[in-house]
Amino acid sequence: MVLTGVKGGSKHIKTKAGSHLNERDLVAQVFKPEPPTQSRLYFPGNPADKNWQSRQQRLHLLAQGAFAGIRNIAVHVKGAWSEHEALEQLAVLSVIARWTDETELRSV
């Protein structure tokens, strides 16, 4: 089964962040937990709080892993997964999309 709509997640993030970056470079930059040097997408809350830092880092790392290990395979390898595996992969991408919806754009 081929995953469809994977590029939509990247477009959603790119539009919300107002970024010119694409795919893995995009998520590596816009979800970085460090203080912004460019516009970034952050969860609401206090960046000095350990729980906030953990949550932001979770999104940052999961998004990078998903774009490297799911998105790239879905786009470049035909028939890479069974239907069950594809649904599992879509669940991961869905979590990233939901967390992205919870973020706010913060500029420098």
PDB file of N, CA and C in Angstrom:
ATOM      1  N   MET A   1       0.849  -1.182   0.000  1.00  0.00           N
ATOM      2  CA  MET A   1       0.000   0.000   0.000  1.00  0.00           C
ATOM      3  C   MET A   1       0.890   1.239   0.000  1.00  0.00           C
ATOM      4  N   VAL A   2       0.518   2.226  -0.781  1.00  0.00           N
ATOM      5  CA  VAL A   2       1.263   3.476  -0.847  1.00  0.00           C
ATOM      6  C   VAL A   2       0.517   4.507  -0.012  1.00  0.00           C
ATOM      7  N   LEU A   3       1.244   5.231   0.815  1.00  0.00           N
ATOM      8  CA  LEU A   3       0.623   6.291   1.596  1.00  0.00           C
ATOM      9  C   LEU A   3       0.333   7.467   0.682  1.00  0.00           C
ATOM     10  N   THR A   4      -0.863   8.018   0.798  1.00  0.00           N
ATOM     11  CA  THR A   4      -1.201   9.201   0.028  1.00  0.00           C
ATOM     12  C   THR A   4      -1.385  10.363   0.982  1.00  0.00           C
ATOM     13  N   GLY A   5      -1.127  11.542   0.510  1.00  0.00           N
ATOM     14  CA  GLY A   5      -1.348  12.718   1.333  1.00  0.00           C
ATOM     15  C   GLY A   5      -0.223  13.044   2.290  1.00  0.00           C
ATOM     16  N   VAL A   6       0.930  12.385   2.170  1.00  0.00           N
ATOM     17  CA  VAL A   6       2.037  12.648   3.086  1.00  0.00           C
ATOM     18  C   VAL A   6       2.597  14.043   2.873  1.00  0.00           C
ATOM     19  N   LYS A   7       2.575  14.497   1.637  1.00  0.00           N
ATOM     20  CA  LYS A   7       3.075  15.837   1.360  1.00  0.00           C
ATOM     21  C   LYS A   7       2.174  16.895   1.981  1.00  0.00           C
ATOM     22  N   GLY A   8       0.931  16.555   2.244  1.00  0.00           N
ATOM     23  CA  GLY A   8       0.015  17.496   2.866  1.00  0.00           C
ATOM     24  C   GLY A   8       0.472  17.925   4.247  1.00  0.00           C
ATOM     25  N   GLY A   9       1.079  17.016   4.986  1.00  0.00           N
ATOM     26  CA  GLY A   9       1.596  17.351   6.316  1.00  0.00           C
ATOM     27  C   GLY A   9       2.686  18.390   6.239  1.00  0.00           C
ATOM     28  N   SER A  10       3.561  18.243   5.278  1.00  0.00           N
ATOM     29  CA  SER A  10       4.631  19.209   5.087  1.00  0.00           C
ATOM     30  C   SER A  10       4.061  20.565   4.685  1.00  0.00           C
ATOM     31  N   LYS A  11       3.091  20.559   3.795  1.00  0.00           N
ATOM     32  CA  LYS A  11       2.472  21.806   3.348  1.00  0.00           C
ATOM     33  C   LYS A  11       1.781  22.510   4.503  1.00  0.00           C
ATOM     34  N   HIS A  12       1.100  21.735   5.343  1.00  0.00           N
ATOM     35  CA  HIS A  12       0.405  22.289   6.510  1.00  0.00           C
ATOM     36  C   HIS A  12       1.398  22.988   7.443  1.00  0.00           C
ATOM     37  N   ILE A  13       2.510  22.335   7.719  1.00  0.00           N
ATOM     38  CA  ILE A  13       3.526  22.896   8.607  1.00  0.00           C
ATOM     39  C   ILE A  13       4.165  24.128   7.964  1.00  0.00           C
ATOM     40  N   LYS A  14       4.503  24.014   6.692  1.00  0.00           N
ATOM     41  CA  LYS A  14       5.142  25.110   5.949  1.00  0.00           C
ATOM     42  C   LYS A  14       4.250  26.353   5.939  1.00  0.00           C
ATOM     43  N   THR A  15       2.971  26.156   5.690  1.00  0.00           N
ATOM     44  CA  THR A  15       2.029  27.284   5.650  1.00  0.00           C
ATOM     45  C   THR A  15       1.887  27.916   7.023  1.00  0.00           C
ATOM     46  N   LYS A  16       1.720  27.102   8.045  1.00  0.00           N
ATOM     47  CA  LYS A  16       1.545  27.638   9.400  1.00  0.00           C
ATOM     48  C   LYS A  16       2.780  28.402   9.864  1.00  0.00           C
ATOM     49  N   ALA A  17       3.966  27.908   9.501  1.00  0.00           N
ATOM     50  CA  ALA A  17       5.213  28.544   9.918  1.00  0.00           C
ATOM     51  C   ALA A  17       5.605  29.707   9.008  1.00  0.00           C
ATOM     52  N   GLY A  18       5.014  29.787   7.829  1.00  0.00           N
ATOM     53  CA  GLY A  18       5.422  30.813   6.872  1.00  0.00           C
ATOM     54  C   GLY A  18       6.861  30.624   6.431  1.00  0.00           C
ATOM     55  N   SER A  19       7.257  29.369   6.268  1.00  0.00           N
ATOM     56  CA  SER A  19       8.651  29.040   5.963  1.00  0.00           C
ATOM     57  C   SER A  19       8.833  28.729   4.480  1.00  0.00           C
ATOM     58  N   HIS A  20      10.055  28.945   4.015  1.00  0.00           N
ATOM     59  CA  HIS A  20      10.419  28.582   2.644  1.00  0.00           C
ATOM     60  C   HIS A  20      11.064  27.194   2.588  1.00  0.00           C
ATOM     61  N   LEU A  21      11.332  26.616   3.751  1.00  0.00           N
ATOM     62  CA  LEU A  21      11.998  25.313   3.809  1.00  0.00           C
ATOM     63  C   LEU A  21      11.038  24.192   3.423  1.00  0.00           C
ATOM     64  N   ASN A  22      11.594  23.020   3.152  1.00  0.00           N
ATOM     65  CA  ASN A  22      10.786  21.867   2.764  1.00  0.00           C
ATOM     66  C   ASN A  22      11.152  20.638   3.586  1.00  0.00           C
ATOM     67  N   GLU A  23      10.159  19.788   3.759  1.00  0.00           N
ATOM     68  CA  GLU A  23      10.296  18.444   4.303  1.00  0.00           C
ATOM     69  C   GLU A  23      11.122  18.392   5.599  1.00  0.00           C
ATOM     70  N   ARG A  24      12.183  17.578   5.605  1.00  0.00           N
ATOM     71  CA  ARG A  24      12.948  17.356   6.833  1.00  0.00           C
ATOM     72  C   ARG A  24      13.634  18.623   7.331  1.00  0.00           C
ATOM     73  N   ASP A  25      14.165  19.437   6.411  1.00  0.00           N
ATOM     74  CA  ASP A  25      14.774  20.713   6.815  1.00  0.00           C
ATOM     75  C   ASP A  25      13.739  21.609   7.490  1.00  0.00           C
ATOM     76  N   LEU A  26      12.521  21.571   6.979  1.00  0.00           N
ATOM     77  CA  LEU A  26      11.435  22.358   7.539  1.00  0.00           C
ATOM     78  C   LEU A  26      11.181  21.996   8.990  1.00  0.00           C
ATOM     79  N   VAL A  27      10.934  20.715   9.269  1.00  0.00           N
ATOM     80  CA  VAL A  27      10.594  20.318  10.637  1.00  0.00           C
ATOM     81  C   VAL A  27      11.787  20.443  11.580  1.00  0.00           C
ATOM     82  N   ALA A  28      12.994  20.274  11.042  1.00  0.00           N
ATOM     83  CA  ALA A  28      14.194  20.431  11.876  1.00  0.00           C
ATOM     84  C   ALA A  28      14.327  21.865  12.374  1.00  0.00           C
ATOM     85  N   GLN A  29      13.903  22.819  11.572  1.00  0.00           N
ATOM     86  CA  GLN A  29      14.024  24.226  11.951  1.00  0.00           C
ATOM     87  C   GLN A  29      12.816  24.770  12.710  1.00  0.00           C
ATOM     88  N   VAL A  30      11.610  24.511  12.210  1.00  0.00           N
ATOM     89  CA  VAL A  30      10.454  25.197  12.793  1.00  0.00           C
ATOM     90  C   VAL A  30      10.015  24.641  14.140  1.00  0.00           C
ATOM     91  N   PHE A  31      10.409  23.417  14.483  1.00  0.00           N
ATOM     92  CA  PHE A  31      10.026  22.852  15.777  1.00  0.00           C
ATOM     93  C   PHE A  31      11.163  22.870  16.800  1.00  0.00           C
ATOM     94  N   LYS A  32      12.319  23.445  16.446  1.00  0.00           N
ATOM     95  CA  LYS A  32      13.470  23.490  17.353  1.00  0.00           C
ATOM     96  C   LYS A  32      13.067  24.095  18.694  1.00  0.00           C
ATOM     97  N   PRO A  33      13.428  23.442  19.800  1.00  0.00           N
ATOM     98  CA  PRO A  33      13.039  23.975  21.106  1.00  0.00           C
ATOM     99  C   PRO A  33      13.857  25.189  21.562  1.00  0.00           C
ATOM    100  N   GLU A  34      14.997  25.425  20.944  1.00  0.00           N
ATOM    101  CA  GLU A  34      15.844  26.550  21.347  1.00  0.00           C
ATOM    102  C   GLU A  34      15.161  27.884  21.032  1.00  0.00           C
ATOM    103  N   PRO A  35      15.619  28.967  21.678  1.00  0.00           N
ATOM    104  CA  PRO A  35      15.040  30.292  21.379  1.00  0.00           C
ATOM    105  C   PRO A  35      15.137  30.585  19.878  1.00  0.00           C
ATOM    106  N   PRO A  36      14.108  31.207  19.337  1.00  0.00           N
ATOM    107  CA  PRO A  36      14.049  31.375  17.873  1.00  0.00           C
ATOM    108  C   PRO A  36      15.084  32.352  17.324  1.00  0.00           C
ATOM    109  N   THR A  37      15.653  31.964  16.192  1.00  0.00           N
ATOM    110  CA  THR A  37      16.472  32.868  15.390  1.00  0.00           C
ATOM    111  C   THR A  37      15.717  33.176  14.109  1.00  0.00           C
ATOM    112  N   GLN A  38      14.606  32.480  13.927  1.00  0.00           N
ATOM    113  CA  GLN A  38      13.670  32.686  12.820  1.00  0.00           C
ATOM    114  C   GLN A  38      12.307  32.274  13.349  1.00  0.00           C
ATOM    115  N   SER A  39      11.272  32.469  12.564  1.00  0.00           N
ATOM    116  CA  SER A  39       9.929  32.079  13.010  1.00  0.00           C
ATOM    117  C   SER A  39       9.893  30.588  13.291  1.00  0.00           C
ATOM    118  N   ARG A  40       9.269  30.237  14.416  1.00  0.00           N
ATOM    119  CA  ARG A  40       9.155  28.834  14.812  1.00  0.00           C
ATOM    120  C   ARG A  40       7.765  28.545  15.333  1.00  0.00           C
ATOM    121  N   LEU A  41       7.416  27.270  15.326  1.00  0.00           N
ATOM    122  CA  LEU A  41       6.145  26.820  15.873  1.00  0.00           C
ATOM    123  C   LEU A  41       6.399  26.203  17.244  1.00  0.00           C
ATOM    124  N   TYR A  42       5.827  26.818  18.258  1.00  0.00           N
ATOM    125  CA  TYR A  42       6.009  26.366  19.633  1.00  0.00           C
ATOM    126  C   TYR A  42       4.663  26.042  20.260  1.00  0.00           C
ATOM    127  N   PHE A  43       4.696  25.080  21.182  1.00  0.00           N
ATOM    128  CA  PHE A  43       3.517  24.845  22.004  1.00  0.00           C
ATOM    129  C   PHE A  43       3.319  26.064  22.904  1.00  0.00           C
ATOM    130  N   PRO A  44       2.076  26.358  23.278  1.00  0.00           N
ATOM    131  CA  PRO A  44       1.849  27.432  24.241  1.00  0.00           C
ATOM    132  C   PRO A  44       2.523  27.086  25.568  1.00  0.00           C
ATOM    133  N   GLY A  45       2.897  28.084  26.298  1.00  0.00           N
ATOM    134  CA  GLY A  45       3.486  27.851  27.609  1.00  0.00           C
ATOM    135  C   GLY A  45       4.839  28.511  27.757  1.00  0.00           C
ATOM    136  N   ASN A  46       5.477  28.180  28.854  1.00  0.00           N
ATOM    137  CA  ASN A  46       6.749  28.783  29.235  1.00  0.00           C
ATOM    138  C   ASN A  46       7.919  27.911  28.777  1.00  0.00           C
ATOM    139  N   PRO A  47       8.745  28.392  27.863  1.00  0.00           N
ATOM    140  CA  PRO A  47       9.884  27.609  27.395  1.00  0.00           C
ATOM    141  C   PRO A  47      10.907  27.256  28.489  1.00  0.00           C
ATOM    142  N   ALA A  48      10.831  27.916  29.640  1.00  0.00           N
ATOM    143  CA  ALA A  48      11.736  27.583  30.738  1.00  0.00           C
ATOM    144  C   ALA A  48      11.240  26.372  31.531  1.00  0.00           C
ATOM    145  N   ASP A  49       9.987  26.000  31.339  1.00  0.00           N
ATOM    146  CA  ASP A  49       9.389  24.883  32.050  1.00  0.00           C
ATOM    147  C   ASP A  49       9.870  23.554  31.461  1.00  0.00           C
ATOM    148  N   LYS A  50      10.260  22.612  32.308  1.00  0.00           N
ATOM    149  CA  LYS A  50      10.773  21.308  31.858  1.00  0.00           C
ATOM    150  C   LYS A  50       9.728  20.525  31.054  1.00  0.00           C
ATOM    151  N   ASN A  51       8.467  20.588  31.470  1.00  0.00           N
ATOM    152  CA  ASN A  51       7.415  19.887  30.725  1.00  0.00           C
ATOM    153  C   ASN A  51       7.250  20.478  29.329  1.00  0.00           C
ATOM    154  N   TRP A  52       7.306  21.811  29.222  1.00  0.00           N
ATOM    155  CA  TRP A  52       7.223  22.452  27.909  1.00  0.00           C
ATOM    156  C   TRP A  52       8.393  22.000  27.040  1.00  0.00           C
ATOM    157  N   GLN A  53       9.583  22.007  27.604  1.00  0.00           N
ATOM    158  CA  GLN A  53      10.781  21.616  26.853  1.00  0.00           C
ATOM    159  C   GLN A  53      10.671  20.177  26.359  1.00  0.00           C
ATOM    160  N   SER A  54      10.178  19.292  27.216  1.00  0.00           N
ATOM    161  CA  SER A  54      10.016  17.890  26.839  1.00  0.00           C
ATOM    162  C   SER A  54       9.004  17.748  25.700  1.00  0.00           C
ATOM    163  N   ARG A  55       7.910  18.443  25.801  1.00  0.00           N
ATOM    164  CA  ARG A  55       6.866  18.370  24.778  1.00  0.00           C
ATOM    165  C   ARG A  55       7.361  18.922  23.437  1.00  0.00           C
ATOM    166  N   GLN A  56       8.060  20.048  23.479  1.00  0.00           N
ATOM    167  CA  GLN A  56       8.569  20.651  22.251  1.00  0.00           C
ATOM    168  C   GLN A  56       9.640  19.764  21.610  1.00  0.00           C
ATOM    169  N   GLN A  57      10.494  19.198  22.435  1.00  0.00           N
ATOM    170  CA  GLN A  57      11.535  18.316  21.902  1.00  0.00           C
ATOM    171  C   GLN A  57      10.918  17.051  21.309  1.00  0.00           C
ATOM    172  N   ARG A  58       9.871  16.554  21.920  1.00  0.00           N
ATOM    173  CA  ARG A  58       9.174  15.370  21.412  1.00  0.00           C
ATOM    174  C   ARG A  58       8.650  15.635  20.004  1.00  0.00           C
ATOM    175  N   LEU A  59       8.006  16.777  19.795  1.00  0.00           N
ATOM    176  CA  LEU A  59       7.503  17.131  18.462  1.00  0.00           C
ATOM    177  C   LEU A  59       8.656  17.295  17.476  1.00  0.00           C
ATOM    178  N   HIS A  60       9.691  17.981  17.894  1.00  0.00           N
ATOM    179  CA  HIS A  60      10.858  18.230  17.041  1.00  0.00           C
ATOM    180  C   HIS A  60      11.480  16.922  16.554  1.00  0.00           C
ATOM    181  N   LEU A  61      11.724  16.011  17.461  1.00  0.00           N
ATOM    182  CA  LEU A  61      12.389  14.750  17.104  1.00  0.00           C
ATOM    183  C   LEU A  61      11.463  13.790  16.355  1.00  0.00           C
ATOM    184  N   LEU A  62      10.215  13.697  16.794  1.00  0.00           N
ATOM    185  CA  LEU A  62       9.282  12.802  16.114  1.00  0.00           C
ATOM    186  C   LEU A  62       9.051  13.256  14.669  1.00  0.00           C
ATOM    187  N   ALA A  63       8.903  14.546  14.467  1.00  0.00           N
ATOM    188  CA  ALA A  63       8.686  15.062  13.109  1.00  0.00           C
ATOM    189  C   ALA A  63       9.888  14.777  12.217  1.00  0.00           C
ATOM    190  N   GLN A  64      11.091  14.968  12.739  1.00  0.00           N
ATOM    191  CA  GLN A  64      12.285  14.670  11.941  1.00  0.00           C
ATOM    192  C   GLN A  64      12.350  13.193  11.583  1.00  0.00           C
ATOM    193  N   GLY A  65      12.091  12.333  12.552  1.00  0.00           N
ATOM    194  CA  GLY A  65      12.115  10.895  12.308  1.00  0.00           C
ATOM    195  C   GLY A  65      11.046  10.468  11.316  1.00  0.00           C
ATOM    196  N   ALA A  66       9.868  11.050  11.441  1.00  0.00           N
ATOM    197  CA  ALA A  66       8.775  10.700  10.532  1.00  0.00           C
ATOM    198  C   ALA A  66       9.072  11.140   9.102  1.00  0.00           C
ATOM    199  N   PHE A  67       9.641  12.321   8.938  1.00  0.00           N
ATOM    200  CA  PHE A  67       9.940  12.782   7.585  1.00  0.00           C
ATOM    201  C   PHE A  67      11.080  11.984   6.978  1.00  0.00           C
ATOM    202  N   ALA A  68      12.015  11.526   7.796  1.00  0.00           N
ATOM    203  CA  ALA A  68      13.119  10.711   7.282  1.00  0.00           C
ATOM    204  C   ALA A  68      12.693   9.267   7.050  1.00  0.00           C
ATOM    205  N   GLY A  69      11.933   8.700   7.980  1.00  0.00           N
ATOM    206  CA  GLY A  69      11.634   7.274   7.924  1.00  0.00           C
ATOM    207  C   GLY A  69      10.291   6.892   7.359  1.00  0.00           C
ATOM    208  N   ILE A  70       9.365   7.834   7.281  1.00  0.00           N
ATOM    209  CA  ILE A  70       8.047   7.533   6.740  1.00  0.00           C
ATOM    210  C   ILE A  70       7.830   8.286   5.431  1.00  0.00           C
ATOM    211  N   ARG A  71       7.921   9.583   5.482  1.00  0.00           N
ATOM    212  CA  ARG A  71       7.623  10.402   4.311  1.00  0.00           C
ATOM    213  C   ARG A  71       8.523  10.050   3.132  1.00  0.00           C
ATOM    214  N   ASN A  72       9.816   9.966   3.343  1.00  0.00           N
ATOM    215  CA  ASN A  72      10.729   9.683   2.233  1.00  0.00           C
ATOM    216  C   ASN A  72      10.459   8.320   1.608  1.00  0.00           C
ATOM    217  N   ILE A  73      10.184   7.323   2.429  1.00  0.00           N
ATOM    218  CA  ILE A  73       9.894   5.984   1.914  1.00  0.00           C
ATOM    219  C   ILE A  73       8.561   5.986   1.176  1.00  0.00           C
ATOM    220  N   ALA A  74       7.558   6.651   1.736  1.00  0.00           N
ATOM    221  CA  ALA A  74       6.243   6.682   1.104  1.00  0.00           C
ATOM    222  C   ALA A  74       6.285   7.331  -0.273  1.00  0.00           C
ATOM    223  N   VAL A  75       7.116   8.334  -0.419  1.00  0.00           N
ATOM    224  CA  VAL A  75       7.183   9.063  -1.683  1.00  0.00           C
ATOM    225  C   VAL A  75       8.086   8.372  -2.697  1.00  0.00           C
ATOM    226  N   HIS A  76       9.166   7.740  -2.232  1.00  0.00           N
ATOM    227  CA  HIS A  76      10.171   7.235  -3.159  1.00  0.00           C
ATOM    228  C   HIS A  76      10.178   5.722  -3.384  1.00  0.00           C
ATOM    229  N   VAL A  77       9.506   4.950  -2.520  1.00  0.00           N
ATOM    230  CA  VAL A  77       9.511   3.492  -2.673  1.00  0.00           C
ATOM    231  C   VAL A  77       8.074   3.021  -2.878  1.00  0.00           C
ATOM    232  N   LYS A  78       7.788   2.471  -4.013  1.00  0.00           N
ATOM    233  CA  LYS A  78       6.436   2.011  -4.328  1.00  0.00           C
ATOM    234  C   LYS A  78       6.108   0.726  -3.561  1.00  0.00           C
ATOM    235  N   GLY A  79       4.899   0.687  -2.997  1.00  0.00           N
ATOM    236  CA  GLY A  79       4.430  -0.511  -2.319  1.00  0.00           C
ATOM    237  C   GLY A  79       5.278  -0.922  -1.129  1.00  0.00           C
ATOM    238  N   ALA A  80       5.785   0.039  -0.383  1.00  0.00           N
ATOM    239  CA  ALA A  80       6.707  -0.252   0.707  1.00  0.00           C
ATOM    240  C   ALA A  80       6.045  -0.954   1.898  1.00  0.00           C
ATOM    241  N   TRP A  81       4.745  -0.728   2.104  1.00  0.00           N
ATOM    242  CA  TRP A  81       4.089  -1.270   3.288  1.00  0.00           C
ATOM    243  C   TRP A  81       2.799  -1.996   2.939  1.00  0.00           C
ATOM    244  N   SER A  82       2.450  -2.914   3.841  1.00  0.00           N
ATOM    245  CA  SER A  82       1.118  -3.525   3.765  1.00  0.00           C
ATOM    246  C   SER A  82       0.104  -2.476   4.207  1.00  0.00           C
ATOM    247  N   GLU A  83      -1.169  -2.784   4.042  1.00  0.00           N
ATOM    248  CA  GLU A  83      -2.201  -1.846   4.468  1.00  0.00           C
ATOM    249  C   GLU A  83      -2.090  -1.553   5.963  1.00  0.00           C
ATOM    250  N   HIS A  84      -1.869  -2.592   6.762  1.00  0.00           N
ATOM    251  CA  HIS A  84      -1.743  -2.412   8.208  1.00  0.00           C
ATOM    252  C   HIS A  84      -0.564  -1.504   8.556  1.00  0.00           C
ATOM    253  N   GLU A  85       0.579  -1.754   7.940  1.00  0.00           N
ATOM    254  CA  GLU A  85       1.761  -0.917   8.194  1.00  0.00           C
ATOM    255  C   GLU A  85       1.522   0.523   7.769  1.00  0.00           C
ATOM    256  N   ALA A  86       0.873   0.711   6.631  1.00  0.00           N
ATOM    257  CA  ALA A  86       0.585   2.060   6.153  1.00  0.00           C
ATOM    258  C   ALA A  86      -0.324   2.807   7.132  1.00  0.00           C
ATOM    259  N   LEU A  87      -1.310   2.117   7.696  1.00  0.00           N
ATOM    260  CA  LEU A  87      -2.188   2.747   8.677  1.00  0.00           C
ATOM    261  C   LEU A  87      -1.419   3.147   9.932  1.00  0.00           C
ATOM    262  N   GLU A  88      -0.470   2.325  10.352  1.00  0.00           N
ATOM    263  CA  GLU A  88       0.379   2.683  11.500  1.00  0.00           C
ATOM    264  C   GLU A  88       1.193   3.944  11.197  1.00  0.00           C
ATOM    265  N   GLN A  89       1.743   4.005   9.994  1.00  0.00           N
ATOM    266  CA  GLN A  89       2.542   5.165   9.605  1.00  0.00           C
ATOM    267  C   GLN A  89       1.673   6.425   9.551  1.00  0.00           C
ATOM    268  N   LEU A  90       0.466   6.285   9.006  1.00  0.00           N
ATOM    269  CA  LEU A  90      -0.450   7.423   8.959  1.00  0.00           C
ATOM    270  C   LEU A  90      -0.824   7.906  10.362  1.00  0.00           C
ATOM    271  N   ALA A  91      -0.904   6.991  11.307  1.00  0.00           N
ATOM    272  CA  ALA A  91      -1.203   7.379  12.687  1.00  0.00           C
ATOM    273  C   ALA A  91      -0.102   8.284  13.241  1.00  0.00           C
ATOM    274  N   VAL A  92       1.142   7.957  12.953  1.00  0.00           N
ATOM    275  CA  VAL A  92       2.263   8.798  13.403  1.00  0.00           C
ATOM    276  C   VAL A  92       2.158  10.185  12.772  1.00  0.00           C
ATOM    277  N   LEU A  93       1.914  10.225  11.467  1.00  0.00           N
ATOM    278  CA  LEU A  93       1.788  11.513  10.773  1.00  0.00           C
ATOM    279  C   LEU A  93       0.593  12.308  11.292  1.00  0.00           C
ATOM    280  N   SER A  94      -0.459  11.611  11.665  1.00  0.00           N
ATOM    281  CA  SER A  94      -1.638  12.267  12.219  1.00  0.00           C
ATOM    282  C   SER A  94      -1.324  12.928  13.562  1.00  0.00           C
ATOM    283  N   VAL A  95      -0.552  12.259  14.391  1.00  0.00           N
ATOM    284  CA  VAL A  95      -0.151  12.833  15.676  1.00  0.00           C
ATOM    285  C   VAL A  95       0.655  14.109  15.446  1.00  0.00           C
ATOM    286  N   ILE A  96       1.573  14.062  14.498  1.00  0.00           N
ATOM    287  CA  ILE A  96       2.384  15.252  14.197  1.00  0.00           C
ATOM    288  C   ILE A  96       1.488  16.390  13.718  1.00  0.00           C
ATOM    289  N   ALA A  97       0.510  16.091  12.880  1.00  0.00           N
ATOM    290  CA  ALA A  97      -0.415  17.118  12.390  1.00  0.00           C
ATOM    291  C   ALA A  97      -1.230  17.711  13.542  1.00  0.00           C
ATOM    292  N   ARG A  98      -1.694  16.858  14.443  1.00  0.00           N
ATOM    293  CA  ARG A  98      -2.484  17.355  15.588  1.00  0.00           C
ATOM    294  C   ARG A  98      -1.637  18.240  16.490  1.00  0.00           C
ATOM    295  N   TRP A  99      -0.415  17.784  16.779  1.00  0.00           N
ATOM    296  CA  TRP A  99       0.471  18.599  17.616  1.00  0.00           C
ATOM    297  C   TRP A  99       0.808  19.911  16.926  1.00  0.00           C
ATOM    298  N   THR A 100       0.986  19.884  15.612  1.00  0.00           N
ATOM    299  CA  THR A 100       1.253  21.115  14.863  1.00  0.00           C
ATOM    300  C   THR A 100       0.092  22.086  15.032  1.00  0.00           C
ATOM    301  N   ASP A 101      -1.125  21.577  14.994  1.00  0.00           N
ATOM    302  CA  ASP A 101      -2.299  22.434  15.185  1.00  0.00           C
ATOM    303  C   ASP A 101      -2.302  23.095  16.556  1.00  0.00           C
ATOM    304  N   GLU A 102      -1.687  22.470  17.538  1.00  0.00           N
ATOM    305  CA  GLU A 102      -1.647  23.017  18.893  1.00  0.00           C
ATOM    306  C   GLU A 102      -0.566  24.082  19.067  1.00  0.00           C
ATOM    307  N   THR A 103       0.325  24.203  18.091  1.00  0.00           N
ATOM    308  CA  THR A 103       1.422  25.170  18.219  1.00  0.00           C
ATOM    309  C   THR A 103       1.006  26.572  17.834  1.00  0.00           C
ATOM    310  N   GLU A 104       1.863  27.520  18.232  1.00  0.00           N
ATOM    311  CA  GLU A 104       1.688  28.933  17.906  1.00  0.00           C
ATOM    312  C   GLU A 104       2.936  29.390  17.172  1.00  0.00           C
ATOM    313  N   LEU A 105       2.764  30.317  16.249  1.00  0.00           N
ATOM    314  CA  LEU A 105       3.896  30.892  15.542  1.00  0.00           C
ATOM    315  C   LEU A 105       4.540  31.959  16.430  1.00  0.00           C
ATOM    316  N   ARG A 106       5.834  31.807  16.641  1.00  0.00           N
ATOM    317  CA  ARG A 106       6.605  32.814  17.391  1.00  0.00           C
ATOM    318  C   ARG A 106       7.736  33.294  16.508  1.00  0.00           C
ATOM    319  N   SER A 107       7.845  34.596  16.412  1.00  0.00           N
ATOM    320  CA  SER A 107       8.884  35.189  15.584  1.00  0.00           C
ATOM    321  C   SER A 107       9.966  35.791  16.463  1.00  0.00           C
ATOM    322  N   VAL A 108      11.104  36.088  15.835  1.00  0.00           N
ATOM    323  CA  VAL A 108      12.232  36.702  16.572  1.00  0.00           C
ATOM    324  C   VAL A 108      11.939  38.145  16.876  1.00  0.00           C
TER     325      VAL A 108
END
